[in-house]
Amino acid sequence: MSSLQFKASSPDSSDFQALISQLNRSLTQITQDSGESSFQAEEFSPQRDGALVGYDQDEPVACGSFRFHQQGICEVKRMFSAKPGSGSALLIALEDFARSKGYQRAILSTRRVNTQAVNFYLKNGYVEIPPYGKYVGREISICLGKSL
């Protein structure tokens, strides 16, 4: 099995968008919502936000991003892995990228019904946190956080 190579990207790159299309289909099957409304590529700021695409022998197989939430805290968004076992490597790469931009904490939200995602983040050191932003009062969502 070859190792993945992660490259900084922008959310509107063709490789990132192709993977996001797969993510949208997957989320729609699991949650009946693609999650598209929670991330707007045009709001991406390369100075404070980050996006990565993971490649396996030049084939894009994973993507993810983070965006500014508040001072020292970023929000992980649009994480997807089409290659089994590559999710943890992607998350580590995203967290390292976020640290390089000065973030000390990462937060995220996912749907409770998406148990695979919830368990993945818990396994990778995230813990449940109080709901934030638009997730306050939304019982269908779970918010998670981790010190970087």
N, C-alpha and C. Protein backbone atom coordinates (compact mmCIF):
# COMPACT_ATOMS: atom_id res chain seq x y z
N MET A 1 0.85 -1.19 0.00
CA MET A 1 0.00 0.00 0.00
C MET A 1 0.88 1.24 0.00
N SER A 2 0.67 2.14 -0.92
CA SER A 2 1.48 3.35 -0.98
C SER A 2 0.97 4.38 0.01
N SER A 3 1.86 5.28 0.38
CA SER A 3 1.45 6.31 1.33
C SER A 3 0.81 7.47 0.58
N LEU A 4 -0.04 8.17 1.29
CA LEU A 4 -0.71 9.32 0.70
C LEU A 4 0.20 10.53 0.75
N GLN A 5 0.05 11.39 -0.23
CA GLN A 5 0.72 12.67 -0.22
C GLN A 5 -0.37 13.73 -0.17
N PHE A 6 -0.23 14.66 0.78
CA PHE A 6 -1.22 15.72 0.93
C PHE A 6 -0.67 17.01 0.35
N LYS A 7 -1.52 17.70 -0.39
CA LYS A 7 -1.13 18.96 -0.99
C LYS A 7 -2.16 20.02 -0.62
N ALA A 8 -1.64 21.21 -0.29
CA ALA A 8 -2.53 22.34 -0.04
C ALA A 8 -3.32 22.61 -1.31
N SER A 9 -4.56 22.97 -1.12
CA SER A 9 -5.47 23.15 -2.24
C SER A 9 -6.37 24.34 -1.96
N SER A 10 -7.28 24.58 -2.84
CA SER A 10 -8.36 25.52 -2.56
C SER A 10 -9.65 24.74 -2.74
N PRO A 11 -10.69 25.14 -2.03
CA PRO A 11 -11.95 24.39 -2.11
C PRO A 11 -12.60 24.41 -3.49
N ASP A 12 -12.15 25.30 -4.36
CA ASP A 12 -12.75 25.31 -5.69
C ASP A 12 -11.89 24.59 -6.73
N SER A 13 -10.82 23.91 -6.29
CA SER A 13 -10.01 23.14 -7.25
C SER A 13 -10.83 21.94 -7.75
N SER A 14 -10.51 21.48 -8.93
CA SER A 14 -11.28 20.37 -9.52
C SER A 14 -11.14 19.09 -8.70
N ASP A 15 -9.95 18.80 -8.17
CA ASP A 15 -9.78 17.58 -7.37
C ASP A 15 -10.58 17.66 -6.08
N PHE A 16 -10.53 18.81 -5.40
CA PHE A 16 -11.29 18.99 -4.16
C PHE A 16 -12.78 18.84 -4.46
N GLN A 17 -13.25 19.49 -5.51
CA GLN A 17 -14.67 19.46 -5.85
C GLN A 17 -15.15 18.07 -6.25
N ALA A 18 -14.31 17.30 -6.94
CA ALA A 18 -14.70 15.94 -7.31
C ALA A 18 -14.90 15.08 -6.07
N LEU A 19 -14.02 15.24 -5.08
CA LEU A 19 -14.17 14.49 -3.83
C LEU A 19 -15.37 14.98 -3.03
N ILE A 20 -15.61 16.29 -3.05
CA ILE A 20 -16.77 16.85 -2.33
C ILE A 20 -18.07 16.33 -2.93
N SER A 21 -18.11 16.13 -4.23
CA SER A 21 -19.31 15.55 -4.85
C SER A 21 -19.58 14.16 -4.29
N GLN A 22 -18.51 13.38 -4.10
CA GLN A 22 -18.68 12.06 -3.49
C GLN A 22 -19.15 12.18 -2.04
N LEU A 23 -18.57 13.14 -1.31
CA LEU A 23 -18.99 13.38 0.07
C LEU A 23 -20.47 13.75 0.12
N ASN A 24 -20.89 14.65 -0.74
CA ASN A 24 -22.29 15.08 -0.75
C ASN A 24 -23.24 13.91 -0.97
N ARG A 25 -22.89 13.02 -1.90
CA ARG A 25 -23.73 11.85 -2.16
C ARG A 25 -23.76 10.93 -0.93
N SER A 26 -22.62 10.72 -0.33
CA SER A 26 -22.53 9.86 0.85
C SER A 26 -23.35 10.42 2.01
N LEU A 27 -23.19 11.72 2.28
CA LEU A 27 -23.93 12.34 3.38
C LEU A 27 -25.44 12.32 3.12
N THR A 28 -25.83 12.52 1.89
CA THR A 28 -27.26 12.49 1.56
C THR A 28 -27.84 11.11 1.86
N GLN A 29 -27.09 10.05 1.55
CA GLN A 29 -27.56 8.70 1.86
C GLN A 29 -27.67 8.47 3.36
N ILE A 30 -26.72 8.99 4.12
CA ILE A 30 -26.68 8.74 5.57
C ILE A 30 -27.65 9.65 6.33
N THR A 31 -27.67 10.95 5.96
CA THR A 31 -28.38 11.94 6.77
C THR A 31 -29.53 12.64 6.06
N GLN A 32 -29.72 12.37 4.77
CA GLN A 32 -30.70 13.06 3.94
C GLN A 32 -30.36 14.54 3.77
N ASP A 33 -29.10 14.91 4.00
CA ASP A 33 -28.64 16.29 3.82
C ASP A 33 -27.19 16.23 3.34
N SER A 34 -26.88 16.92 2.26
CA SER A 34 -25.53 16.87 1.69
C SER A 34 -24.51 17.66 2.50
N GLY A 35 -24.97 18.56 3.36
CA GLY A 35 -24.06 19.38 4.13
C GLY A 35 -23.49 20.56 3.36
N GLU A 36 -23.89 20.71 2.11
CA GLU A 36 -23.33 21.79 1.27
C GLU A 36 -23.57 23.18 1.85
N SER A 37 -24.68 23.38 2.52
CA SER A 37 -25.01 24.72 3.01
C SER A 37 -24.10 25.17 4.15
N SER A 38 -23.34 24.25 4.73
CA SER A 38 -22.48 24.59 5.86
C SER A 38 -21.08 25.04 5.44
N PHE A 39 -20.81 25.05 4.15
CA PHE A 39 -19.47 25.45 3.69
C PHE A 39 -19.58 26.13 2.35
N GLN A 40 -19.13 27.36 2.30
CA GLN A 40 -19.16 28.14 1.06
C GLN A 40 -17.72 28.37 0.60
N ALA A 41 -17.34 27.78 -0.52
CA ALA A 41 -15.96 27.89 -1.01
C ALA A 41 -15.54 29.35 -1.22
N GLU A 42 -16.48 30.19 -1.62
CA GLU A 42 -16.13 31.59 -1.88
C GLU A 42 -15.76 32.35 -0.61
N GLU A 43 -16.09 31.81 0.56
CA GLU A 43 -15.72 32.44 1.82
C GLU A 43 -14.33 32.02 2.30
N PHE A 44 -13.70 31.11 1.58
CA PHE A 44 -12.39 30.58 1.95
C PHE A 44 -11.33 31.67 1.85
N SER A 45 -10.54 31.82 2.90
CA SER A 45 -9.45 32.79 2.94
C SER A 45 -8.13 32.04 3.11
N PRO A 46 -7.27 32.00 2.10
CA PRO A 46 -6.01 31.25 2.20
C PRO A 46 -5.12 31.72 3.35
N GLN A 47 -5.29 32.96 3.80
CA GLN A 47 -4.47 33.45 4.90
C GLN A 47 -4.83 32.80 6.23
N ARG A 48 -6.10 32.48 6.43
CA ARG A 48 -6.51 31.96 7.74
C ARG A 48 -7.12 30.56 7.67
N ASP A 49 -7.55 30.14 6.50
CA ASP A 49 -8.20 28.84 6.34
C ASP A 49 -7.25 27.89 5.62
N GLY A 50 -7.61 26.61 5.57
CA GLY A 50 -6.77 25.64 4.88
C GLY A 50 -7.60 24.54 4.25
N ALA A 51 -7.09 24.01 3.15
CA ALA A 51 -7.73 22.88 2.47
C ALA A 51 -6.63 21.97 1.96
N LEU A 52 -6.86 20.68 2.05
CA LEU A 52 -5.90 19.68 1.59
C LEU A 52 -6.59 18.67 0.69
N VAL A 53 -5.84 18.15 -0.26
CA VAL A 53 -6.26 16.99 -1.04
C VAL A 53 -5.18 15.94 -0.86
N GLY A 54 -5.61 14.71 -0.56
CA GLY A 54 -4.69 13.60 -0.43
C GLY A 54 -4.66 12.80 -1.71
N TYR A 55 -3.45 12.48 -2.15
CA TYR A 55 -3.26 11.75 -3.41
C TYR A 55 -2.60 10.41 -3.15
N ASP A 56 -3.08 9.41 -3.84
CA ASP A 56 -2.46 8.09 -3.86
C ASP A 56 -2.01 7.87 -5.30
N GLN A 57 -0.71 7.96 -5.53
CA GLN A 57 -0.16 7.83 -6.88
C GLN A 57 -0.88 8.76 -7.86
N ASP A 58 -0.96 10.01 -7.51
CA ASP A 58 -1.56 11.08 -8.32
C ASP A 58 -3.07 11.01 -8.45
N GLU A 59 -3.71 10.06 -7.79
CA GLU A 59 -5.17 9.99 -7.80
C GLU A 59 -5.71 10.65 -6.54
N PRO A 60 -6.59 11.66 -6.66
CA PRO A 60 -7.16 12.29 -5.47
C PRO A 60 -8.10 11.32 -4.75
N VAL A 61 -7.81 11.05 -3.47
CA VAL A 61 -8.60 10.07 -2.72
C VAL A 61 -9.13 10.61 -1.40
N ALA A 62 -8.72 11.81 -0.99
CA ALA A 62 -9.18 12.35 0.30
C ALA A 62 -9.10 13.87 0.25
N CYS A 63 -9.98 14.52 1.00
CA CYS A 63 -9.93 15.97 1.08
C CYS A 63 -10.50 16.42 2.42
N GLY A 64 -10.16 17.62 2.78
CA GLY A 64 -10.69 18.21 4.00
C GLY A 64 -10.26 19.65 4.09
N SER A 65 -10.90 20.38 4.98
CA SER A 65 -10.56 21.79 5.13
C SER A 65 -10.82 22.22 6.57
N PHE A 66 -10.32 23.39 6.88
CA PHE A 66 -10.65 24.03 8.15
C PHE A 66 -10.81 25.51 7.87
N ARG A 67 -11.60 26.15 8.72
CA ARG A 67 -11.80 27.59 8.56
C ARG A 67 -11.75 28.24 9.93
N PHE A 68 -11.47 29.53 9.91
CA PHE A 68 -11.42 30.32 11.14
C PHE A 68 -12.77 30.26 11.84
N HIS A 69 -12.74 30.00 13.14
CA HIS A 69 -13.96 30.06 13.94
C HIS A 69 -13.88 31.26 14.88
N GLN A 70 -12.83 31.29 15.66
CA GLN A 70 -12.53 32.45 16.50
C GLN A 70 -11.05 32.37 16.84
N GLN A 71 -10.54 33.39 17.48
CA GLN A 71 -9.10 33.45 17.77
C GLN A 71 -8.58 32.12 18.33
N GLY A 72 -7.63 31.51 17.63
CA GLY A 72 -7.00 30.28 18.09
C GLY A 72 -7.79 29.00 17.83
N ILE A 73 -9.00 29.13 17.28
CA ILE A 73 -9.86 27.96 17.07
C ILE A 73 -10.29 27.89 15.60
N CYS A 74 -10.09 26.72 15.01
CA CYS A 74 -10.57 26.50 13.64
C CYS A 74 -11.67 25.45 13.67
N GLU A 75 -12.46 25.46 12.62
CA GLU A 75 -13.54 24.48 12.47
C GLU A 75 -13.21 23.57 11.29
N VAL A 76 -13.15 22.27 11.55
CA VAL A 76 -12.89 21.28 10.51
C VAL A 76 -14.17 21.12 9.67
N LYS A 77 -14.00 21.15 8.35
CA LYS A 77 -15.15 21.09 7.45
C LYS A 77 -14.85 20.17 6.27
N ARG A 78 -15.88 19.57 5.74
CA ARG A 78 -15.86 18.85 4.46
C ARG A 78 -14.75 17.82 4.36
N MET A 79 -14.62 17.00 5.39
CA MET A 79 -13.63 15.93 5.39
C MET A 79 -14.20 14.70 4.71
N PHE A 80 -13.43 14.13 3.79
CA PHE A 80 -13.89 12.95 3.07
C PHE A 80 -12.70 12.11 2.64
N SER A 81 -12.87 10.80 2.78
CA SER A 81 -11.84 9.86 2.35
C SER A 81 -12.49 8.77 1.51
N ALA A 82 -12.05 8.66 0.27
CA ALA A 82 -12.57 7.61 -0.61
C ALA A 82 -11.75 6.33 -0.51
N LYS A 83 -10.61 6.41 0.16
CA LYS A 83 -9.73 5.25 0.29
C LYS A 83 -9.77 4.76 1.74
N PRO A 84 -10.18 3.53 1.95
CA PRO A 84 -10.23 3.00 3.32
C PRO A 84 -8.89 3.18 4.04
N GLY A 85 -8.99 3.65 5.28
CA GLY A 85 -7.81 3.81 6.11
C GLY A 85 -7.08 5.13 5.95
N SER A 86 -7.52 5.98 5.03
CA SER A 86 -6.81 7.24 4.82
C SER A 86 -7.36 8.40 5.64
N GLY A 87 -8.48 8.20 6.30
CA GLY A 87 -9.10 9.28 7.06
C GLY A 87 -8.24 9.80 8.19
N SER A 88 -7.62 8.91 8.95
CA SER A 88 -6.79 9.35 10.08
C SER A 88 -5.58 10.14 9.59
N ALA A 89 -4.96 9.68 8.50
CA ALA A 89 -3.81 10.42 7.94
C ALA A 89 -4.25 11.80 7.48
N LEU A 90 -5.43 11.89 6.88
CA LEU A 90 -5.96 13.18 6.45
C LEU A 90 -6.20 14.09 7.64
N LEU A 91 -6.81 13.57 8.69
CA LEU A 91 -7.10 14.39 9.86
C LEU A 91 -5.81 14.89 10.50
N ILE A 92 -4.81 14.03 10.62
CA ILE A 92 -3.52 14.45 11.18
C ILE A 92 -2.91 15.56 10.32
N ALA A 93 -2.96 15.40 9.01
CA ALA A 93 -2.41 16.42 8.11
C ALA A 93 -3.16 17.74 8.25
N LEU A 94 -4.49 17.68 8.36
CA LEU A 94 -5.28 18.90 8.55
C LEU A 94 -4.94 19.57 9.87
N GLU A 95 -4.82 18.78 10.93
CA GLU A 95 -4.48 19.34 12.24
C GLU A 95 -3.09 19.98 12.22
N ASP A 96 -2.13 19.34 11.56
CA ASP A 96 -0.78 19.91 11.44
C ASP A 96 -0.83 21.23 10.66
N PHE A 97 -1.61 21.25 9.59
CA PHE A 97 -1.75 22.46 8.77
C PHE A 97 -2.38 23.57 9.61
N ALA A 98 -3.40 23.24 10.38
CA ALA A 98 -4.06 24.23 11.24
C ALA A 98 -3.08 24.77 12.28
N ARG A 99 -2.29 23.89 12.89
CA ARG A 99 -1.28 24.34 13.86
C ARG A 99 -0.29 25.31 13.20
N SER A 100 0.09 25.02 11.95
CA SER A 100 1.05 25.89 11.26
C SER A 100 0.48 27.28 11.01
N LYS A 101 -0.85 27.41 11.05
CA LYS A 101 -1.50 28.71 10.89
C LYS A 101 -1.85 29.34 12.24
N GLY A 102 -1.36 28.73 13.33
CA GLY A 102 -1.52 29.32 14.64
C GLY A 102 -2.72 28.86 15.45
N TYR A 103 -3.45 27.89 14.96
CA TYR A 103 -4.61 27.40 15.71
C TYR A 103 -4.16 26.45 16.81
N GLN A 104 -4.81 26.56 17.98
CA GLN A 104 -4.52 25.66 19.10
C GLN A 104 -5.64 24.67 19.37
N ARG A 105 -6.77 24.86 18.73
CA ARG A 105 -7.93 24.00 18.98
C ARG A 105 -8.71 23.83 17.68
N ALA A 106 -9.28 22.64 17.52
CA ALA A 106 -10.15 22.37 16.37
C ALA A 106 -11.51 21.94 16.89
N ILE A 107 -12.55 22.40 16.23
CA ILE A 107 -13.92 22.00 16.56
C ILE A 107 -14.59 21.55 15.27
N LEU A 108 -15.71 20.86 15.42
CA LEU A 108 -16.47 20.42 14.26
C LEU A 108 -17.86 20.00 14.70
N SER A 109 -18.72 19.83 13.73
CA SER A 109 -20.05 19.31 13.98
C SER A 109 -20.37 18.28 12.91
N THR A 110 -21.09 17.26 13.32
CA THR A 110 -21.59 16.27 12.38
C THR A 110 -22.95 15.81 12.88
N ARG A 111 -23.66 15.11 12.06
CA ARG A 111 -24.96 14.59 12.48
C ARG A 111 -24.78 13.36 13.36
N ARG A 112 -25.56 13.27 14.42
CA ARG A 112 -25.48 12.11 15.32
C ARG A 112 -25.74 10.80 14.58
N VAL A 113 -26.61 10.83 13.59
CA VAL A 113 -26.95 9.63 12.84
C VAL A 113 -25.74 9.12 12.03
N ASN A 114 -24.78 9.98 11.79
CA ASN A 114 -23.57 9.60 11.06
C ASN A 114 -22.58 8.97 12.05
N THR A 115 -22.94 7.81 12.55
CA THR A 115 -22.16 7.17 13.62
C THR A 115 -20.74 6.84 13.19
N GLN A 116 -20.53 6.55 11.93
CA GLN A 116 -19.17 6.28 11.46
C GLN A 116 -18.28 7.51 11.67
N ALA A 117 -18.78 8.68 11.32
CA ALA A 117 -18.01 9.91 11.50
C ALA A 117 -17.82 10.22 12.98
N VAL A 118 -18.89 10.11 13.76
CA VAL A 118 -18.79 10.38 15.20
C VAL A 118 -17.73 9.48 15.83
N ASN A 119 -17.80 8.20 15.56
CA ASN A 119 -16.83 7.26 16.13
C ASN A 119 -15.41 7.53 15.64
N PHE A 120 -15.27 7.92 14.39
CA PHE A 120 -13.95 8.25 13.84
C PHE A 120 -13.33 9.41 14.62
N TYR A 121 -14.08 10.47 14.83
CA TYR A 121 -13.53 11.63 15.53
C TYR A 121 -13.23 11.30 16.99
N LEU A 122 -14.11 10.55 17.64
CA LEU A 122 -13.86 10.15 19.03
C LEU A 122 -12.59 9.32 19.11
N LYS A 123 -12.41 8.41 18.18
CA LYS A 123 -11.21 7.56 18.15
C LYS A 123 -9.95 8.40 17.94
N ASN A 124 -10.09 9.54 17.29
CA ASN A 124 -8.95 10.41 17.00
C ASN A 124 -8.79 11.55 18.00
N GLY A 125 -9.35 11.38 19.20
CA GLY A 125 -9.09 12.31 20.28
C GLY A 125 -10.05 13.46 20.46
N TYR A 126 -11.11 13.51 19.66
CA TYR A 126 -12.10 14.57 19.83
C TYR A 126 -13.07 14.17 20.94
N VAL A 127 -13.59 15.17 21.63
CA VAL A 127 -14.56 14.93 22.70
C VAL A 127 -15.77 15.83 22.44
N GLU A 128 -16.90 15.40 22.97
CA GLU A 128 -18.12 16.20 22.79
C GLU A 128 -17.97 17.53 23.52
N ILE A 129 -18.40 18.60 22.86
CA ILE A 129 -18.36 19.94 23.42
C ILE A 129 -19.77 20.54 23.32
N PRO A 130 -20.03 21.63 24.04
CA PRO A 130 -21.34 22.27 23.91
C PRO A 130 -21.55 22.75 22.46
N PRO A 131 -22.79 22.73 22.01
CA PRO A 131 -23.09 23.21 20.65
C PRO A 131 -22.65 24.66 20.48
N TYR A 132 -22.24 25.00 19.29
CA TYR A 132 -21.81 26.36 18.98
C TYR A 132 -22.53 26.83 17.71
N GLY A 133 -22.59 28.14 17.56
CA GLY A 133 -23.14 28.73 16.34
C GLY A 133 -24.50 28.18 15.97
N LYS A 134 -24.65 27.82 14.71
CA LYS A 134 -25.95 27.37 14.22
C LYS A 134 -26.37 26.01 14.78
N TYR A 135 -25.48 25.34 15.49
CA TYR A 135 -25.79 24.01 16.04
C TYR A 135 -26.44 24.08 17.42
N VAL A 136 -26.48 25.25 18.02
CA VAL A 136 -27.14 25.41 19.32
C VAL A 136 -28.62 25.06 19.16
N GLY A 137 -29.10 24.15 19.98
CA GLY A 137 -30.50 23.75 19.94
C GLY A 137 -30.83 22.73 18.87
N ARG A 138 -29.85 22.25 18.15
CA ARG A 138 -30.09 21.26 17.09
C ARG A 138 -29.70 19.88 17.61
N GLU A 139 -30.67 19.15 18.08
CA GLU A 139 -30.42 17.83 18.67
C GLU A 139 -29.87 16.82 17.67
N ILE A 140 -30.06 17.07 16.38
CA ILE A 140 -29.57 16.12 15.38
C ILE A 140 -28.05 16.21 15.20
N SER A 141 -27.46 17.29 15.71
CA SER A 141 -26.02 17.50 15.55
C SER A 141 -25.27 17.20 16.84
N ILE A 142 -24.02 16.80 16.67
CA ILE A 142 -23.11 16.65 17.80
C ILE A 142 -21.89 17.51 17.48
N CYS A 143 -21.43 18.27 18.46
CA CYS A 143 -20.25 19.11 18.29
C CYS A 143 -19.10 18.48 19.05
N LEU A 144 -17.94 18.48 18.44
CA LEU A 144 -16.76 17.85 19.00
C LEU A 144 -15.59 18.82 18.93
N GLY A 145 -14.62 18.64 19.83
CA GLY A 145 -13.45 19.50 19.83
C GLY A 145 -12.22 18.77 20.31
N LYS A 146 -11.06 19.35 19.99
CA LYS A 146 -9.78 18.75 20.36
C LYS A 146 -8.73 19.84 20.45
N SER A 147 -7.88 19.78 21.48
CA SER A 147 -6.72 20.66 21.54
C SER A 147 -5.70 20.15 20.54
N LEU A 148 -5.10 21.08 19.82
CA LEU A 148 -4.13 20.68 18.80
C LEU A 148 -2.73 20.63 19.38
